Protein backbone atom coordinates (compact mmCIF):
# COMPACT_ATOMS: atom_id res chain seq x y z
CA MET A 1 0.00 0.00 0.00
CA LYS A 2 1.24 3.49 -0.85
CA ILE A 3 1.02 5.74 2.23
CA ILE A 4 1.77 9.45 2.63
CA PHE A 5 2.27 10.38 6.28
CA ILE A 6 2.50 14.09 7.10
CA CYS A 7 3.94 14.88 10.53
CA ALA A 8 4.80 18.27 12.05
CA VAL A 9 7.76 17.04 14.14
CA PHE A 10 10.40 14.45 13.32
CA PRO A 11 13.86 13.29 14.47
CA PRO A 12 16.40 14.60 15.21
CA GLU A 13 13.86 16.74 17.05
CA PRO A 14 13.25 15.18 20.50
CA ALA A 15 9.44 15.44 20.45
CA PRO A 16 7.88 12.04 21.25
CA ALA A 17 5.33 12.38 18.43
CA GLY A 18 8.15 12.61 15.89
CA ILE A 19 10.03 9.66 17.34
CA MET A 20 6.87 7.57 17.22
CA ALA A 21 6.18 8.61 13.62
CA HIS A 22 9.69 7.48 12.65
CA GLN A 23 9.17 4.13 14.39
CA LEU A 24 5.81 3.61 12.71
CA ALA A 25 7.17 4.50 9.27
CA THR A 26 10.07 2.10 9.79
CA ARG A 27 7.76 -0.72 10.74
CA LEU A 28 5.34 -0.06 7.88
CA ALA A 29 8.21 -0.02 5.38
CA ARG A 30 9.59 -3.25 6.83
CA GLU A 31 6.19 -4.88 6.26
CA GLY A 32 6.32 -3.95 2.57
CA HIS A 33 4.34 -0.70 2.44
CA ASP A 34 5.52 2.20 0.26
CA VAL A 35 5.78 4.95 2.88
CA THR A 36 6.61 8.63 2.34
CA MET A 37 7.11 10.83 5.42
CA ILE A 38 6.63 14.58 4.82
CA VAL A 39 8.08 16.67 7.64
CA PRO A 40 9.64 20.11 8.34
CA PHE A 41 13.35 20.77 8.54
CA PRO A 42 14.37 20.17 12.17
CA ASN A 43 14.08 23.28 14.34
CA ARG A 44 12.19 22.45 17.52
CA PRO A 45 12.08 23.06 20.45
CA ASP A 46 13.97 26.35 19.93
CA GLY A 47 12.48 27.21 16.54
CA VAL A 48 15.96 27.51 15.02
CA LEU A 49 17.27 25.36 12.17
CA TYR A 50 19.54 22.58 13.42
CA PRO A 51 23.26 22.70 12.52
CA GLY A 52 24.11 20.67 9.44
CA PHE A 53 20.77 21.31 7.72
CA GLN A 54 20.19 23.77 4.90
CA ARG A 55 16.60 24.84 4.44
CA ARG A 56 15.27 24.36 0.92
CA LEU A 57 11.81 24.26 -0.56
CA ARG A 58 11.98 20.48 -0.73
CA ALA A 59 14.62 17.85 0.09
CA ARG A 60 13.92 14.19 -0.71
CA THR A 61 15.89 11.13 0.42
CA VAL A 62 15.32 7.41 0.79
CA THR A 63 16.25 6.35 4.32
CA ARG A 64 18.15 3.24 5.30
CA GLU A 65 14.98 2.08 7.08
CA GLY A 66 13.26 1.87 3.68
CA TYR A 67 10.84 4.79 3.72
CA THR A 68 11.10 8.03 1.74
CA LEU A 69 11.72 11.20 3.76
CA VAL A 70 10.70 14.55 2.30
CA ARG A 71 11.58 17.67 4.26
CA CYS A 72 9.89 20.91 3.23
CA ALA A 73 10.41 24.51 4.27
CA ASN A 74 8.16 26.43 6.61
CA TRP A 75 8.27 29.56 8.74
CA LEU A 76 10.39 28.93 11.83
CA LEU A 77 8.82 29.49 15.21
CA GLY A 78 11.84 31.33 16.64
CA LYS A 79 13.04 31.50 20.22
CA GLN A 80 10.48 34.18 21.16
CA ARG A 81 7.61 31.83 20.20
CA LYS A 82 5.28 34.72 19.30
CA ASN A 83 1.69 33.96 18.35
CA LEU A 84 2.17 35.43 14.86
CA ASN A 85 5.12 33.10 14.29
CA ARG A 86 3.03 30.13 15.45
CA ILE A 87 0.32 31.00 12.93
CA LEU A 88 2.84 31.48 10.11
CA GLU A 89 4.55 28.19 10.99
CA ASN A 90 1.20 26.43 10.87
CA VAL A 91 0.06 27.96 7.57
CA THR A 92 3.36 27.64 5.73
CA PHE A 93 3.88 24.01 6.70
CA GLY A 94 0.36 23.24 5.58
CA LEU A 95 1.07 24.77 2.18
CA SER A 96 4.56 23.31 1.71
CA SER A 97 3.63 19.82 2.93
CA ALA A 98 0.57 19.68 0.66
CA TRP A 99 2.73 20.79 -2.28
CA ALA A 100 5.41 18.22 -1.41
CA ALA A 101 2.75 15.51 -1.16
CA SER A 102 1.40 16.45 -4.58
CA ARG A 103 4.88 15.89 -6.02
CA GLU A 104 4.87 12.31 -4.70
CA GLY A 105 1.80 11.24 -6.66
CA CYS A 106 -1.55 9.96 -5.47
CA PRO A 107 -1.25 7.42 -2.60
CA ASP A 108 -3.75 4.85 -1.38
CA ILE A 109 -4.14 6.68 1.92
CA MET A 110 -2.91 9.85 3.65
CA ILE A 111 -2.26 10.20 7.39
CA THR A 112 -2.08 13.72 8.82
CA GLU A 113 -0.48 14.28 12.22
CA THR A 114 0.21 17.97 12.16
CA TRP A 115 -0.82 21.23 13.80
CA PRO A 116 -4.47 22.17 13.68
CA LEU A 117 -6.09 23.80 11.94
CA PHE A 118 -4.46 25.39 8.89
CA ALA A 119 -1.75 22.78 8.35
CA THR A 120 -4.29 19.98 8.50
CA LEU A 121 -6.74 21.71 6.17
CA PHE A 122 -4.38 22.05 3.20
CA CYS A 123 -3.27 18.41 3.34
CA THR A 124 -6.75 17.00 3.78
CA SER A 125 -8.01 19.18 0.93
CA LEU A 126 -5.44 17.52 -1.31
CA ALA A 127 -6.64 14.09 -0.18
CA ARG A 128 -10.23 15.04 -1.03
CA LEU A 129 -9.09 16.32 -4.44
CA TRP A 130 -7.41 12.96 -5.05
CA ARG A 131 -10.54 11.17 -3.75
CA ILE A 132 -8.51 9.07 -1.36
CA PRO A 133 -9.18 8.39 2.34
CA TYR A 134 -7.28 10.34 4.94
CA TRP A 135 -6.84 9.64 8.63
CA TYR A 136 -6.90 12.54 11.03
CA TYR A 137 -4.36 11.56 13.71
CA VAL A 138 -5.01 13.74 16.78
CA GLN A 139 -2.40 14.27 19.51
CA ASP A 140 -3.99 17.44 20.97
CA VAL A 141 -7.58 18.63 20.60
CA TYR A 142 -7.95 22.26 19.58
CA PRO A 143 -9.44 24.67 20.48
CA GLU A 144 -10.17 22.86 23.77
CA ALA A 145 -6.47 22.70 24.72
CA ALA A 146 -6.09 26.46 24.21
CA GLU A 147 -9.33 27.19 26.07
CA GLY A 148 -8.23 25.11 29.06
CA VAL A 149 -5.14 27.21 29.76
CA GLY A 150 -6.69 30.57 28.92
CA ILE A 151 -4.97 31.25 25.57
CA ILE A 152 -8.39 31.91 24.02
CA ASN A 153 -11.72 32.61 25.71
CA ALA A 154 -13.66 29.48 26.54
CA ASN A 155 -16.56 29.13 24.12
CA GLY A 156 -15.84 32.58 22.71
CA LEU A 157 -16.28 33.48 19.05
CA ILE A 158 -12.80 32.23 18.06
CA ALA A 159 -13.21 29.00 20.01
CA ARG A 160 -16.62 28.30 18.44
CA ALA A 161 -15.29 29.00 14.96
CA PHE A 162 -12.30 26.72 15.48
CA ARG A 163 -14.53 23.97 16.86
CA LEU A 164 -16.73 24.10 13.76
CA TRP A 165 -13.62 24.04 11.58
CA ASP A 166 -12.19 21.02 13.38
CA ARG A 167 -15.58 19.33 13.23
CA TYR A 168 -15.47 19.70 9.45
CA LEU A 169 -12.01 18.10 9.32
CA CYS A 170 -13.09 15.23 11.56
CA GLN A 171 -16.32 14.54 9.75
CA HIS A 172 -14.65 14.39 6.33
CA SER A 173 -11.86 12.05 7.40
CA ALA A 174 -12.10 8.32 6.80
CA HIS A 175 -11.03 7.76 10.38
CA VAL A 176 -9.96 9.74 13.44
CA ILE A 177 -7.17 8.32 15.59
CA VAL A 178 -6.88 9.58 19.16
CA ILE A 179 -4.51 8.70 21.99
CA SER A 180 -6.89 8.18 24.93
CA GLU A 181 -10.43 7.07 25.66
CA THR A 182 -11.25 10.41 27.29
CA MET A 183 -10.04 12.21 24.15
CA ARG A 184 -12.23 9.91 22.07
CA ASP A 185 -15.28 10.76 24.19
CA LEU A 186 -14.49 14.49 23.99
CA LEU A 187 -14.30 14.44 20.18
CA ALA A 188 -17.37 12.23 19.83
CA ALA A 189 -19.42 14.72 21.85
CA ASN A 190 -18.00 18.01 20.55
CA ARG A 191 -17.60 17.03 16.87
CA LYS A 192 -20.79 14.95 16.58
CA LEU A 193 -18.90 11.80 15.58
CA PRO A 194 -20.09 8.22 15.98
CA LEU A 195 -17.75 6.21 18.17
CA GLU A 196 -17.04 3.75 15.36
CA CYS A 197 -15.29 6.57 13.47
CA LEU A 198 -12.74 6.98 16.27
CA THR A 199 -9.99 4.58 17.27
CA VAL A 200 -7.89 4.87 20.40
CA ILE A 201 -4.23 4.06 19.78
CA PRO A 202 -2.24 5.17 22.83
CA ASN A 203 1.20 6.62 22.33
CA TRP A 204 4.02 4.16 22.76
CA LEU A 205 7.71 3.45 23.16
CA ASP A 206 9.77 0.82 21.38
CA GLU A 207 10.17 -1.79 24.08
CA ALA A 208 13.18 -3.25 22.26
CA THR A 209 15.21 -0.06 22.64
CA PHE A 210 13.74 1.42 25.82
CA GLY A 211 14.45 -1.05 28.58
CA VAL A 212 14.97 -0.38 32.27
CA TRP A 213 18.58 0.74 32.77
CA GLN A 214 20.72 -1.99 34.27
CA GLY A 215 23.82 -1.32 36.32
CA ASP A 216 25.31 1.94 37.48
CA SER A 217 24.48 5.28 35.90
CA ALA A 218 27.30 7.75 35.37
CA TRP A 219 24.92 10.52 34.37
CA GLY A 220 24.11 11.65 37.90
CA SER A 221 27.73 12.03 38.90
CA GLU A 222 28.46 13.86 35.64
CA GLN A 223 25.82 16.41 36.67
CA GLY A 224 27.23 16.71 40.17
CA ILE A 225 24.20 15.15 41.85
CA PRO A 226 25.27 13.44 45.13
CA SER A 227 24.29 9.77 45.28
CA HIS A 228 22.38 10.23 48.57
CA VAL A 229 20.01 12.88 47.14
CA PHE A 230 16.42 11.82 46.41
CA VAL A 231 15.71 13.09 42.87
CA ALA A 232 12.20 13.92 41.62
CA LEU A 233 12.20 14.20 37.82
CA PHE A 234 10.03 16.24 35.49
CA GLY A 235 11.05 15.37 31.94
CA GLY A 236 9.31 16.88 28.92
CA THR A 237 7.82 20.09 27.56
CA LEU A 238 7.58 22.91 30.08
CA GLY A 239 4.54 24.44 28.40
CA HIS A 240 1.23 26.07 29.32
CA VAL A 241 -0.78 22.86 29.52
CA SER A 242 1.79 21.14 31.74
CA GLY A 243 1.23 23.39 34.75
CA VAL A 244 4.90 22.75 35.52
CA GLU A 245 5.48 26.16 37.14
CA VAL A 246 4.05 24.73 40.36
CA LEU A 247 7.36 22.91 40.87
CA VAL A 248 9.07 26.18 41.80
CA ASP A 249 6.65 26.44 44.73
CA VAL A 250 7.32 22.79 45.58
CA ALA A 251 11.04 23.57 45.71
CA ARG A 252 10.34 26.59 47.92
CA ILE A 253 8.34 24.44 50.36
CA MET A 254 11.10 21.80 50.45
CA LYS A 255 13.97 24.30 50.57
CA SER A 256 15.15 23.17 54.00
CA ASP A 257 15.34 19.48 53.00
CA THR A 258 18.83 19.17 51.53
CA GLY A 259 18.22 15.50 50.72
CA VAL A 260 15.68 16.20 47.94
CA MET A 261 16.23 17.73 44.48
CA LEU A 262 13.70 18.59 41.78
CA LEU A 263 15.11 18.07 38.30
CA CYS A 264 13.35 19.67 35.30
CA ILE A 265 14.65 18.39 31.97
CA GLY A 266 13.22 19.90 28.80
CA GLU A 267 12.26 23.12 27.07
CA GLY A 268 9.09 25.13 26.69
CA SER A 269 7.32 28.42 27.08
CA ARG A 270 7.31 28.35 30.90
CA LYS A 271 10.98 27.55 31.38
CA VAL A 272 12.46 31.06 31.40
CA ALA A 273 9.94 32.32 33.96
CA MET A 274 10.58 29.29 36.16
CA VAL A 275 14.36 29.73 36.02
CA ASN A 276 14.03 33.43 36.87
CA GLU A 277 11.67 32.81 39.78
CA ALA A 278 13.85 30.03 41.23
CA SER A 279 16.85 32.35 41.00
CA ARG A 280 14.92 35.20 42.67
CA LEU A 281 13.98 32.91 45.56
CA GLY A 282 17.53 31.60 45.85
CA LEU A 283 16.46 27.98 45.36
CA THR A 284 19.28 25.47 44.97
CA ASN A 285 17.09 22.36 45.21
CA ILE A 286 15.58 22.73 41.73
CA ARG A 287 17.70 22.37 38.62
CA PHE A 288 16.88 22.99 34.96
CA LEU A 289 18.55 21.11 32.10
CA PRO A 290 17.88 20.91 28.35
CA PHE A 291 16.58 17.78 26.68
CA GLN A 292 19.16 15.02 26.95
CA PRO A 293 20.34 12.80 24.06
CA VAL A 294 17.74 10.13 23.29
CA GLU A 295 20.23 7.31 23.77
CA ARG A 296 20.94 8.49 27.32
CA VAL A 297 17.34 8.93 28.47
CA PRO A 298 17.10 5.51 30.21
CA GLU A 299 20.34 6.26 32.05
CA VAL A 300 19.08 9.71 33.03
CA GLN A 301 15.89 8.26 34.43
CA ALA A 302 17.80 5.59 36.32
CA SER A 303 19.52 8.43 38.18
CA CYS A 304 16.14 9.57 39.53
CA ASN A 305 13.95 8.13 42.27
CA VAL A 306 10.46 9.32 41.30
CA ALA A 307 8.85 11.07 38.36
CA VAL A 308 6.50 14.04 38.58
CA LEU A 309 3.70 14.65 36.08
CA THR A 310 1.91 17.99 36.43
CA MET A 311 -1.08 19.32 34.54
CA HIS A 312 -2.58 22.81 34.47
CA PRO A 313 -5.53 22.91 36.92
CA ASP A 314 -7.88 24.02 34.12
CA SER A 315 -6.61 21.60 31.48
CA SER A 316 -8.85 18.94 30.03
CA ASP A 317 -8.19 15.68 28.26
CA SER A 318 -7.70 17.65 25.06
CA SER A 319 -3.99 16.98 25.64
CA VAL A 320 -2.41 13.85 27.11
CA PRO A 321 1.30 14.13 27.97
CA SER A 322 3.40 11.34 26.49
CA LYS A 323 5.93 11.72 29.31
CA LEU A 324 3.77 9.39 31.40
CA ILE A 325 4.60 6.49 29.09
CA THR A 326 8.30 7.26 29.42
CA TYR A 327 7.99 7.27 33.21
CA LEU A 328 6.19 3.92 33.21
CA ALA A 329 8.71 2.38 30.81
CA ALA A 330 11.56 3.56 33.04
CA SER A 331 9.93 1.81 36.01
CA LEU A 332 9.63 5.06 37.95
CA PRO A 333 6.90 5.66 40.54
CA VAL A 334 4.77 8.59 39.38
CA ILE A 335 3.45 11.55 41.34
CA CYS A 336 0.57 12.73 39.18
CA ALA A 337 -0.79 16.21 39.88
CA ALA A 338 -3.90 16.20 37.68
CA LYS A 339 -7.67 16.12 37.89
CA ALA A 340 -8.87 12.86 39.40
CA GLU A 341 -11.01 12.02 36.35
CA SER A 342 -8.28 12.78 33.78
CA ALA A 343 -6.73 10.12 31.56
CA VAL A 344 -3.30 10.40 33.21
CA ALA A 345 -4.72 10.14 36.74
CA ARG A 346 -6.80 7.12 35.77
CA THR A 347 -3.76 5.45 34.26
CA VAL A 348 -1.59 5.97 37.35
CA ARG A 349 -4.35 4.61 39.60
CA ASP A 350 -5.16 1.64 37.34
CA ALA A 351 -1.48 0.74 37.11
CA GLY A 352 -0.89 1.08 40.85
CA ALA A 353 2.18 3.02 39.76
CA GLY A 354 2.07 6.16 41.88
CA ILE A 355 0.20 8.81 43.83
CA VAL A 356 -2.47 11.12 42.41
CA VAL A 357 -2.82 14.60 43.95
CA SER A 358 -4.75 17.73 43.03
CA PRO A 359 -3.29 19.83 40.20
CA GLY A 360 -1.61 23.09 41.16
CA ASP A 361 -1.18 22.05 44.82
CA PRO A 362 2.53 22.39 45.71
CA GLN A 363 2.10 21.16 49.27
CA ALA A 364 0.41 17.95 48.10
CA ILE A 365 3.22 17.33 45.60
CA ALA A 366 5.87 17.96 48.26
CA ASP A 367 4.10 15.60 50.68
CA ALA A 368 3.94 12.88 48.03
CA ILE A 369 7.67 13.21 47.29
CA LEU A 370 8.50 12.90 50.99
CA ARG A 371 6.14 9.94 51.39
CA LEU A 372 7.91 7.97 48.67
CA LYS A 373 11.29 9.00 50.03
CA CYS A 374 10.35 7.68 53.47
CA GLN A 375 8.56 4.54 52.20
CA PRO A 376 11.02 2.78 49.87
CA GLU A 377 9.00 -0.45 49.87
CA THR A 378 5.96 1.42 48.56
CA ALA A 379 8.08 3.12 45.93
CA GLN A 380 9.57 -0.19 44.81
CA ARG A 381 6.13 -1.79 44.45
CA MET A 382 4.94 1.15 42.35
CA SER A 383 8.11 0.92 40.29
CA ARG A 384 7.45 -2.72 39.39
CA ASN A 385 3.80 -1.99 38.59
CA ALA A 386 4.82 0.86 36.28
CA ARG A 387 6.92 -1.29 33.96
CA LEU A 388 4.39 -4.12 33.92
CA TYR A 389 1.64 -1.70 32.90
CA PHE A 390 3.83 -0.24 30.16
CA GLU A 391 4.57 -3.68 28.73
CA LYS A 392 0.86 -4.49 28.63
CA HIS A 393 -0.48 -1.25 27.16
CA TYR A 394 2.16 1.04 25.60
CA THR A 395 4.54 -0.91 23.38
CA LEU A 396 5.31 -0.34 19.71
CA GLU A 397 4.22 -3.91 18.93
CA ARG A 398 0.77 -3.29 20.38
CA ALA A 399 0.34 0.03 18.57
CA TYR A 400 1.50 -1.38 15.23
CA SER A 401 -1.01 -4.21 15.40
CA GLN A 402 -3.79 -1.61 15.75
CA PHE A 403 -2.50 0.45 12.81
CA SER A 404 -2.16 -2.69 10.71
CA SER A 405 -5.72 -3.69 11.49
CA LEU A 406 -6.98 -0.25 10.46
CA LEU A 407 -5.09 -0.40 7.17
CA GLN A 408 -6.88 -3.63 6.34
CA LYS A 409 -10.19 -1.79 6.79
CA LYS A 410 -9.17 1.50 5.18
CA GLU A 411 -12.50 2.17 3.48
CA GLY A 412 -13.56 4.20 6.54
CA CYS A 413 -16.73 4.40 8.62
CA LYS A 414 -20.34 5.24 8.09
CA ARG A 415 -21.50 8.62 9.39
CA ARG A 416 -24.66 9.66 11.13
CA ASN A 417 -26.90 11.98 9.12
């Protein structure tokens, strides 16, 4: 089957969605499918072109994994991450990726996993022109994600217009893929979609390459972290939806406990403000580092004792952080600061892999960290449960079997009138 897969992030960018797209393309190519990945030139998270890459209108190569990789130019987000730059990035990638796809010839199916709404519209319009099915692969639901953190007014004119627009995209797709059951229910209700038109395929990690680190880790000593310190890790995007800024208050509360360190690894829109506030308060028990090399991530996580997952108090299941899967795969107990009914909170409870506390409550997060520090047997039990739950629910093998099954039924679903 000839497949065009359009994705807004891709390695060497560290975004999990891009890494998963690469793994899926590799597996599809290995199974004999003719796969073309259409992606931007690498620039995220900083919005600056990576060294060694020269931006052109279109650059096409055949990878050693067997799929075709087409990189196309778009407006770069830039380090200031201004709203105008976000819009231009979205629009220009939609135009350039649709043009690049047109150069590849008509496929049997198109998969779009890109920014809503402009970038998706141009690509899906091409699929409709070709009269081929397209799958709308949703990692974040907009405008609900923007409404939840106050970027746009909840149910305001812009939000209602965007919802109608996204409803159009959903209703004209052959299938909508979402990453959680709560996201499926949200789209079914807000976009008037029958449940049979939506398939839940949770995000994943390649279990063959992401095992639990065995033996000693040199990473902690390289960073000057004493071996006796209890390390609570936040690893991922420090963005609006994450509610991660609460960790500065957690560090302030725990300032007198020299045996605990909060470690924030990643980039995002909230990072600069967090660094400045921690510096203003004179906090030495919270440290900020950039994303680490992918090959060292298991070793990094082995240097930590617990993982922290925070969500904005007003966020909904329009966005589900993939960092949770990484935590589970690393066999780390999870402190989940999110709404009790959210997908991430349900997962942590179902897995028996951690403690769920209210979002935005620094005292509750601090208490949970101290509880796991003082109860190593509890932490070890949660650690074992985390990896077992990952192996059952979040592996590449499981995800690929779902994609393969969908490809065999690619004619799509019947809609309600």
